[in-house]
Protein backbone atom coordinates (compact mmCIF):
# COMPACT_ATOMS: atom_id res chain seq x y z
CA GLY A 1 127.66 144.14 50.00
CA LYS A 2 129.40 145.79 52.94
CA ALA A 3 128.51 146.10 56.60
CA GLU A 4 128.18 149.86 56.03
CA ASP A 5 125.22 149.14 53.70
CA PHE A 6 123.03 148.48 56.74
CA GLY A 7 122.68 152.23 57.35
CA PRO A 8 121.15 153.39 54.05
CA TRP A 9 119.10 150.18 53.75
CA VAL A 10 117.47 150.60 57.17
CA ASP A 11 116.92 154.33 56.63
CA LYS A 12 115.27 153.73 53.24
CA PHE A 13 112.97 151.05 54.62
CA HIS A 14 111.95 153.33 57.49
CA ARG A 15 111.38 156.26 55.14
CA ILE A 16 109.08 154.19 52.91
CA ASN A 17 107.37 152.46 55.86
CA PRO A 18 107.44 155.04 58.68
CA ASP A 19 104.70 153.31 60.71
CA ARG A 20 106.01 149.75 60.30
CA PRO A 21 107.69 148.40 63.46
CA LEU A 22 111.12 147.16 62.46
CA CYS A 23 113.72 144.88 64.02
CA ILE A 24 116.83 143.17 62.68
CA SER A 25 116.08 139.49 63.23
CA GLU A 26 119.66 138.32 62.74
CA TYR A 27 123.01 139.71 61.64
CA GLY A 28 126.46 138.20 61.76
CA VAL A 29 129.50 136.94 59.88
CA GLU A 30 131.88 134.00 60.08
CA GLY A 31 134.83 134.38 62.44
CA ILE A 32 137.30 131.53 62.94
CA VAL A 33 139.78 132.10 65.77
CA GLN A 34 142.69 130.45 63.91
CA TYR A 35 142.52 132.99 61.05
CA HIS A 36 143.92 136.52 61.29
CA SER A 37 144.71 139.50 59.09
CA ALA A 38 146.08 143.02 59.47
CA GLU A 39 143.78 144.00 56.59
CA PRO A 40 140.50 142.19 57.34
CA LYS A 41 137.93 141.93 54.58
CA VAL A 42 134.70 140.16 53.67
CA LYS A 43 134.95 136.36 53.40
CA ASP A 44 138.45 136.06 54.86
CA TYR A 45 136.91 134.30 57.91
CA THR A 46 139.28 136.08 60.28
CA GLU A 47 138.61 137.00 63.87
CA GLU A 48 139.55 140.57 62.91
CA TYR A 49 136.85 140.91 60.24
CA HIS A 50 134.31 139.24 62.53
CA ALA A 51 134.98 141.94 65.15
CA LEU A 52 135.11 144.78 62.61
CA TYR A 53 131.76 143.76 61.10
CA HIS A 54 130.08 143.85 64.49
CA GLU A 55 131.67 147.20 65.31
CA ILE A 56 130.25 148.71 62.12
CA ALA A 57 126.82 147.08 62.38
CA TRP A 58 126.28 147.96 66.03
CA LYS A 59 127.41 151.57 65.59
CA ILE A 60 124.72 151.87 62.91
CA PHE A 61 121.97 150.12 64.86
CA GLU A 62 122.50 151.96 68.14
CA LYS A 63 121.75 155.26 66.40
CA LYS A 64 118.39 154.06 64.98
CA PRO A 65 115.77 154.62 67.70
CA PHE A 66 113.00 153.27 65.44
CA LEU A 67 114.52 149.76 65.67
CA TRP A 68 112.68 147.95 68.45
CA ALA A 69 115.22 145.09 68.58
CA THR A 70 118.40 143.72 67.00
CA TYR A 71 119.60 140.12 67.32
CA VAL A 72 123.26 139.15 67.03
CA TRP A 73 123.67 135.89 65.12
CA ASN A 74 124.94 134.05 67.05
CA MET A 75 126.03 133.72 70.69
CA PHE A 76 127.89 130.42 70.09
CA ASP A 77 129.32 128.64 67.05
CA PHE A 78 126.95 125.75 66.31
CA GLY A 79 126.67 122.55 64.32
CA ALA A 80 125.27 122.79 60.76
CA ASN A 81 125.89 119.61 58.79
CA ILE A 82 125.55 121.10 55.28
CA ARG A 83 128.06 123.90 55.82
CA ASP A 84 131.62 123.86 54.48
CA GLU A 85 133.15 127.32 54.79
CA GLY A 86 136.58 128.62 55.66
CA GLY A 87 138.00 125.11 55.80
CA VAL A 88 135.61 124.08 58.59
CA LYS A 89 132.96 121.48 57.76
CA GLY A 90 129.70 121.03 59.61
CA ARG A 91 129.83 124.20 61.69
CA ASN A 92 128.48 127.72 61.58
CA ASN A 93 131.23 130.01 62.92
CA LYS A 94 129.23 133.20 63.44
CA GLY A 95 129.23 132.87 67.23
CA LEU A 96 130.66 135.41 69.64
CA VAL A 97 131.95 132.36 71.56
CA THR A 98 133.46 129.15 70.15
CA TYR A 99 131.51 125.91 69.79
CA ASP A 100 133.04 124.42 72.96
CA ARG A 101 132.14 127.60 74.95
CA ARG A 102 135.82 128.04 75.90
CA ILE A 103 136.95 131.07 73.86
CA LYS A 104 135.21 134.43 73.79
CA LYS A 105 136.05 135.97 70.44
CA ASP A 106 137.05 139.63 70.26
CA ALA A 107 133.55 140.64 69.11
CA PHE A 108 132.17 139.35 72.42
CA TYR A 109 134.13 142.07 74.20
CA MET A 110 132.97 144.73 71.75
CA TYR A 111 129.41 144.10 72.91
CA LYS A 112 130.50 143.84 76.54
CA ALA A 113 132.01 147.32 76.23
CA HIS A 114 128.68 148.70 74.99
CA TRP A 115 126.25 146.67 77.11
CA SER A 116 127.91 145.86 80.44
CA ASP A 117 128.58 148.02 83.51
CA ASP A 118 131.39 145.65 84.54
CA LYS A 119 134.48 147.78 83.89
CA PHE A 120 137.29 146.20 81.87
CA VAL A 121 139.76 146.60 79.01
CA HIS A 122 140.39 143.99 76.32
CA ILE A 123 143.18 144.01 73.71
CA THR A 124 142.00 142.43 70.47
CA SER A 125 143.88 140.05 68.14
CA LYS A 126 145.84 138.38 70.95
CA ARG A 127 145.74 135.12 68.95
CA PHE A 128 147.35 136.99 66.01
CA VAL A 129 150.78 136.49 67.60
CA ASP A 130 153.26 136.35 64.69
CA ARG A 131 153.63 139.76 62.97
CA ALA A 132 155.84 140.50 59.98
CA GLU A 133 155.24 144.28 60.04
CA SER A 134 157.52 146.73 61.84
CA THR A 135 154.48 148.67 63.08
CA ILE A 136 150.99 147.35 63.79
CA GLN A 137 147.57 148.59 64.75
CA VAL A 138 146.53 147.71 68.30
CA LYS A 139 142.84 147.90 69.15
CA ALA A 140 141.24 147.72 72.58
CA TYR A 141 137.63 147.55 73.71
CA SER A 142 136.71 149.17 77.01
CA ASN A 143 133.76 150.76 78.78
CA CYS A 144 136.15 153.11 80.60
CA SER A 145 136.80 156.67 79.50
CA GLU A 146 140.53 156.45 78.78
CA VAL A 147 142.94 153.76 77.60
CA THR A 148 146.74 154.04 77.74
CA LEU A 149 149.01 151.72 75.74
CA TYR A 150 152.44 150.56 76.87
CA VAL A 151 154.92 148.82 74.55
CA ASN A 152 157.65 146.78 76.23
CA GLY A 153 157.17 148.80 79.41
CA GLU A 154 157.26 152.22 77.74
CA LYS A 155 154.18 154.43 77.51
CA LEU A 156 153.12 154.99 73.90
CA ARG A 157 150.03 157.21 74.19
CA SER A 158 146.58 157.61 75.75
CA ILE A 159 143.22 157.86 74.00
CA SER A 160 140.08 159.26 75.62
CA GLY A 161 136.46 158.98 74.50
CA ASP A 162 133.13 157.26 74.92
CA GLU A 163 133.04 155.23 71.68
CA LYS A 164 134.19 152.03 73.50
CA ILE A 165 136.69 151.27 70.70
CA PHE A 166 140.26 152.54 71.13
CA VAL A 167 142.56 152.22 68.10
CA PHE A 168 146.31 152.80 68.38
CA GLU A 169 148.00 153.16 64.99
CA ASN A 170 151.69 152.69 64.15
CA VAL A 171 152.60 150.73 67.27
CA PRO A 172 156.30 149.81 66.84
CA LEU A 173 157.51 146.23 67.22
CA ALA A 174 161.04 145.29 68.23
CA GLU A 175 162.67 142.04 67.16
CA GLY A 176 161.44 139.02 69.08
CA VAL A 177 158.59 139.06 71.61
CA ASN A 178 156.84 142.35 72.33
CA VAL A 179 154.70 142.86 75.43
CA ILE A 180 151.76 145.19 74.87
CA ARG A 181 149.78 146.38 77.88
CA ALA A 182 146.58 148.40 77.88
CA GLU A 183 145.42 150.24 80.96
CA ALA A 184 141.92 151.67 81.22
CA THR A 185 141.10 154.36 83.74
CA GLU A 186 137.66 154.73 85.29
CA ALA A 187 136.77 158.40 85.46
CA ASP A 188 134.53 158.11 88.53
CA ASN A 189 137.01 156.61 90.97
CA GLY A 190 140.36 156.41 89.17
CA ALA A 191 140.39 152.61 89.21
CA ILE A 192 142.72 151.01 86.66
CA TYR A 193 141.98 147.90 84.59
CA GLN A 194 144.64 146.08 82.54
CA ASP A 195 145.05 143.60 79.72
CA THR A 196 148.26 142.25 78.16
CA ALA A 197 149.11 140.81 74.75
CA ARG A 198 152.33 139.41 73.29
CA PHE A 199 153.25 139.80 69.63
CA THR A 200 156.33 138.26 68.03
CA LYS A 201 158.14 140.08 65.22
CA VAL A 202 158.85 137.50 62.50
CA GLU A 203 160.52 137.64 59.08
CA GLN A 204 157.63 136.22 57.07
CA PRO A 205 153.84 136.22 57.59
CA ASN A 206 152.48 133.07 59.23
CA ALA A 207 150.59 131.24 56.44
CA GLY A 208 148.59 129.36 59.08
CA TYR A 209 146.57 132.51 59.71
CA GLU A 210 145.06 132.43 56.21
């Protein structure tokens, strides 16, 4: 099914079993940091779908007060000798962090935005460098109240809100390397937090991302 199916499933279970304590013992999806897509979908193994899945699932779970716990599966990619998925043998790639503990995947920062008081901004898909489109979507996670996007030094627009997920549509790319900067503003003291990504406009999609 789809990540959105969590909502009606949990609600139905709770309606039928109103006095049954309920937790989600594990939920997750494969996310391999080499794979990327501007149109992420189930079973494409991309870092983008991995992040999108967790966005959808957590937004559902956080609004269900009858859930006494939810458990992300998993914190780290881990060895699993019988697995062979997404071109990677012997490893489960559902972690928020890579097997060697060196790379925090985008989904890690989605949870940080919701769960941490440490203010920050994080541009997603920074490893999705080569882009064949003339305009792209740029997404940022932040626990600040406003994020402003700059493209090659020019201000594009600002988005305010408390949803922790800031999506900028139709971000134009010039030929060659484009520098994208996100600035998050803390409402309480006006402090500014920054993150930078670089995307290269190319003629053809990079087949290595699939």
